[in-house]
């Protein structure tokens, strides 16, 4: 499967919600194509390089290099408040692993990816049960909550929502994204909260 990538200094989790302000020509073209064909694009945390980069950036500017695991983003809503700026709301879908990537002349990075299986649904272990009512209260208070359905019974889903809400370093969020076990993700969240 080949997809275009949106490379950011942020992590999108499966089941999450992310708003993006699109103004670079390469991403405007990508979003228009995704809207036209009703296809997703990939969101990846940058391992190297800057979010805003163009082919004209010149020598000495490091290339954009993504982390190998990212998340498919599906456009749920969009708005163009002014010419040349597109606001989109995306919902996080399946995780993927990049097999290879290349940069087009316009600066857009495209990748051949393999989809990763969702972590098996696991119940919330007793030690972490108190995280669920806390998360419910936080989500109820959010102006822009994550998309439904809510899965408060699923360790991976609960961990992903906490990862979005907590002020975790992006590298830590990336590590949580890459974990294939929901309870392991929840354990990472619990340990962060204990230290806070």
Protein backbone atom coordinates (compact mmCIF):
# COMPACT_ATOMS: atom_id res chain seq x y z
CA UNK A 1 0.00 0.00 0.00
CA UNK A 2 1.39 3.43 -0.94
CA UNK A 3 0.26 6.57 0.85
CA UNK A 4 1.28 10.23 1.12
CA UNK A 5 2.69 11.27 4.48
CA UNK A 6 2.04 14.37 6.58
CA UNK A 7 5.19 14.73 8.69
CA UNK A 8 4.66 16.55 11.98
CA UNK A 9 6.12 17.13 15.42
CA UNK A 10 3.08 15.35 16.87
CA UNK A 11 1.74 11.79 17.14
CA UNK A 12 -1.75 10.75 16.01
CA UNK A 13 -3.18 7.72 17.82
CA UNK A 14 -5.77 5.27 16.51
CA UNK A 15 -9.23 6.47 17.51
CA UNK A 16 -7.98 9.99 18.08
CA UNK A 17 -8.88 13.39 16.66
CA UNK A 18 -6.43 15.87 15.17
CA UNK A 19 -7.00 19.29 13.65
CA UNK A 20 -4.55 20.46 11.01
CA UNK A 21 -4.03 23.83 9.36
CA UNK A 22 -2.84 23.18 5.82
CA UNK A 23 -1.13 25.88 3.78
CA UNK A 24 1.92 24.35 2.08
CA UNK A 25 1.22 23.59 -1.61
CA UNK A 26 2.40 19.96 -1.31
CA UNK A 27 -0.07 19.28 1.51
CA UNK A 28 -2.89 21.29 -0.10
CA UNK A 29 -2.58 19.08 -3.18
CA UNK A 30 -2.42 15.95 -1.00
CA UNK A 31 -5.55 16.89 0.98
CA UNK A 32 -7.48 17.76 -2.19
CA UNK A 33 -6.59 14.37 -3.66
CA UNK A 34 -7.56 12.54 -0.45
CA UNK A 35 -10.90 14.38 -0.38
CA UNK A 36 -11.53 13.64 -4.07
CA UNK A 37 -10.74 9.93 -3.74
CA UNK A 38 -11.94 9.49 -0.13
CA UNK A 39 -8.59 7.96 0.85
CA UNK A 40 -6.46 8.43 3.98
CA UNK A 41 -2.98 9.83 4.35
CA UNK A 42 -0.36 8.90 6.90
CA UNK A 43 0.65 10.99 9.90
CA UNK A 44 4.17 10.37 11.18
CA UNK A 45 6.28 11.97 13.86
CA UNK A 46 9.41 13.54 12.42
CA UNK A 47 12.60 11.76 13.42
CA UNK A 48 14.66 14.39 11.58
CA UNK A 49 13.96 17.64 9.76
CA UNK A 50 11.48 20.48 10.16
CA UNK A 51 7.70 20.43 9.71
CA UNK A 52 7.74 23.21 7.15
CA UNK A 53 10.14 22.32 4.36
CA UNK A 54 10.20 22.97 0.64
CA UNK A 55 12.44 21.89 -2.23
CA UNK A 56 13.65 25.51 -2.31
CA UNK A 57 14.88 25.35 1.29
CA UNK A 58 18.40 25.03 -0.03
CA UNK A 59 21.53 23.16 0.94
CA UNK A 60 22.22 22.55 4.59
CA UNK A 61 18.57 21.93 5.48
CA UNK A 62 18.21 18.36 6.79
CA UNK A 63 15.74 16.18 4.87
CA UNK A 64 12.47 15.16 6.46
CA UNK A 65 12.81 11.67 7.92
CA UNK A 66 9.75 10.05 9.52
CA UNK A 67 9.61 7.55 12.35
CA UNK A 68 8.84 4.12 10.91
CA UNK A 69 5.45 3.69 12.62
CA UNK A 70 2.60 6.11 11.96
CA UNK A 71 -1.19 6.26 11.82
CA UNK A 72 -3.62 6.57 8.93
CA UNK A 73 -5.62 9.80 9.07
CA UNK A 74 -9.08 10.07 7.53
CA UNK A 75 -10.53 13.50 6.86
CA UNK A 76 -13.75 13.91 8.83
CA UNK A 77 -14.38 17.60 8.15
CA UNK A 78 -12.78 20.55 6.40
CA UNK A 79 -13.15 24.28 5.99
CA UNK A 80 -11.37 26.96 3.94
CA UNK A 81 -11.62 30.17 6.02
CA UNK A 82 -9.50 32.05 3.49
CA UNK A 83 -7.89 31.36 0.17
CA UNK A 84 -4.72 29.31 0.56
CA UNK A 85 -5.52 27.97 4.04
CA UNK A 86 -7.40 24.74 4.63
CA UNK A 87 -8.48 23.59 8.09
CA UNK A 88 -9.14 19.87 8.37
CA UNK A 89 -10.29 17.56 11.15
CA UNK A 90 -8.88 14.04 10.95
CA UNK A 91 -9.64 10.82 12.78
CA UNK A 92 -6.88 8.33 13.51
CA UNK A 93 -7.24 4.93 11.87
CA UNK A 94 -4.94 1.92 11.62
CA UNK A 95 -1.26 2.03 12.51
CA UNK A 96 1.26 1.28 9.79
CA UNK A 97 4.97 0.57 9.39
CA UNK A 98 6.96 2.30 6.64
CA UNK A 99 8.79 -0.15 4.39
CA UNK A 100 10.32 2.55 2.20
CA UNK A 101 9.78 6.21 1.49
CA UNK A 102 10.74 8.79 -1.11
CA UNK A 103 10.46 12.55 -1.48
CA UNK A 104 8.74 13.90 -4.57
CA UNK A 105 10.08 17.01 -6.37
CA UNK A 106 7.32 19.09 -4.70
CA UNK A 107 8.59 17.99 -1.25
CA UNK A 108 5.74 15.57 -0.47
CA UNK A 109 6.94 12.32 1.08
CA UNK A 110 5.24 9.14 -0.12
CA UNK A 111 5.70 5.75 1.51
CA UNK A 112 5.07 2.09 0.90
CA UNK A 113 3.58 0.80 4.14
CA UNK A 114 2.21 -2.32 5.76
CA UNK A 115 -0.77 -2.03 8.09
CA UNK A 116 -0.20 -3.22 11.64
CA UNK A 117 -2.84 -5.26 13.45
CA UNK A 118 -4.79 -3.54 16.20
CA UNK A 119 -3.75 -4.64 19.67
CA UNK A 120 -6.12 -7.36 20.90
CA UNK A 121 -8.88 -5.96 23.10
CA UNK A 122 -7.86 -6.44 26.73
CA UNK A 123 -9.79 -5.54 29.85
CA UNK A 124 -8.44 -2.84 32.14
CA UNK A 125 -6.38 -4.53 34.90
CA UNK A 126 -7.54 -3.77 38.45
CA UNK A 127 -4.51 -1.61 39.28
CA UNK A 128 -5.39 0.75 36.42
CA UNK A 129 -9.18 0.79 36.86
CA UNK A 130 -9.14 4.23 38.48
CA UNK A 131 -7.85 5.70 35.20
CA UNK A 132 -11.21 5.01 33.51
CA UNK A 133 -13.55 7.33 35.52
CA UNK A 134 -10.86 10.02 35.42
CA UNK A 135 -10.66 9.69 31.64
CA UNK A 136 -14.46 9.77 31.28
CA UNK A 137 -14.57 13.05 33.21
CA UNK A 138 -11.77 14.56 31.11
CA UNK A 139 -13.39 13.56 27.81
CA UNK A 140 -16.76 14.95 28.97
CA UNK A 141 -15.03 18.28 29.60
CA UNK A 142 -13.27 18.46 26.22
CA UNK A 143 -14.56 20.99 23.72
CA UNK A 144 -13.43 18.70 20.87
CA UNK A 145 -13.67 15.12 22.17
CA UNK A 146 -12.30 12.11 20.29
CA UNK A 147 -14.63 10.43 17.78
CA UNK A 148 -17.04 7.78 19.00
CA UNK A 149 -17.46 4.92 19.69
CA UNK A 150 -15.80 5.20 23.08
CA UNK A 151 -14.17 1.99 24.31
CA UNK A 152 -13.57 2.53 28.01
CA UNK A 153 -13.33 -1.27 28.42
CA UNK A 154 -10.30 -1.54 26.09
CA UNK A 155 -6.83 -1.01 27.60
CA UNK A 156 -5.28 0.17 24.29
CA UNK A 157 -8.04 2.71 23.60
CA UNK A 158 -7.89 4.08 27.15
CA UNK A 159 -4.09 4.34 27.00
CA UNK A 160 -4.21 6.14 23.64
CA UNK A 161 -6.67 8.72 24.95
CA UNK A 162 -4.47 9.35 28.00
CA UNK A 163 -1.43 9.71 25.72
CA UNK A 164 -3.28 12.45 23.82
CA UNK A 165 -4.35 14.34 26.96
CA UNK A 166 -1.18 14.13 29.07
CA UNK A 167 1.82 16.42 28.45
CA UNK A 168 3.98 13.51 27.32
CA UNK A 169 7.16 14.16 25.33
CA UNK A 170 6.47 13.25 21.69
CA UNK A 171 9.15 10.57 21.72
CA UNK A 172 7.28 8.90 24.60
CA UNK A 173 3.99 9.12 22.73
CA UNK A 174 5.72 7.51 19.75
CA UNK A 175 6.95 4.67 21.97
CA UNK A 176 3.39 4.10 23.22
CA UNK A 177 2.07 4.14 19.63
CA UNK A 178 4.55 1.42 18.70
CA UNK A 179 3.58 -0.92 21.57
CA UNK A 180 1.48 -3.84 20.31
CA UNK A 181 -0.07 -4.59 23.71
CA UNK A 182 -2.78 -2.40 25.24
CA UNK A 183 -1.89 -3.24 28.84
CA UNK A 184 1.75 -2.33 28.16
CA UNK A 185 0.56 1.03 26.82
CA UNK A 186 -1.57 1.54 29.92
CA UNK A 187 1.38 0.62 32.14
CA UNK A 188 3.49 3.32 30.45
CA UNK A 189 0.73 5.87 31.14
CA UNK A 190 0.39 4.76 34.76
CA UNK A 191 4.13 5.05 35.36
CA UNK A 192 4.14 8.57 33.89
CA UNK A 193 1.26 9.61 36.17
CA UNK A 194 3.00 8.14 39.23
CA UNK A 195 6.09 10.27 38.53
CA UNK A 196 4.06 13.45 37.95
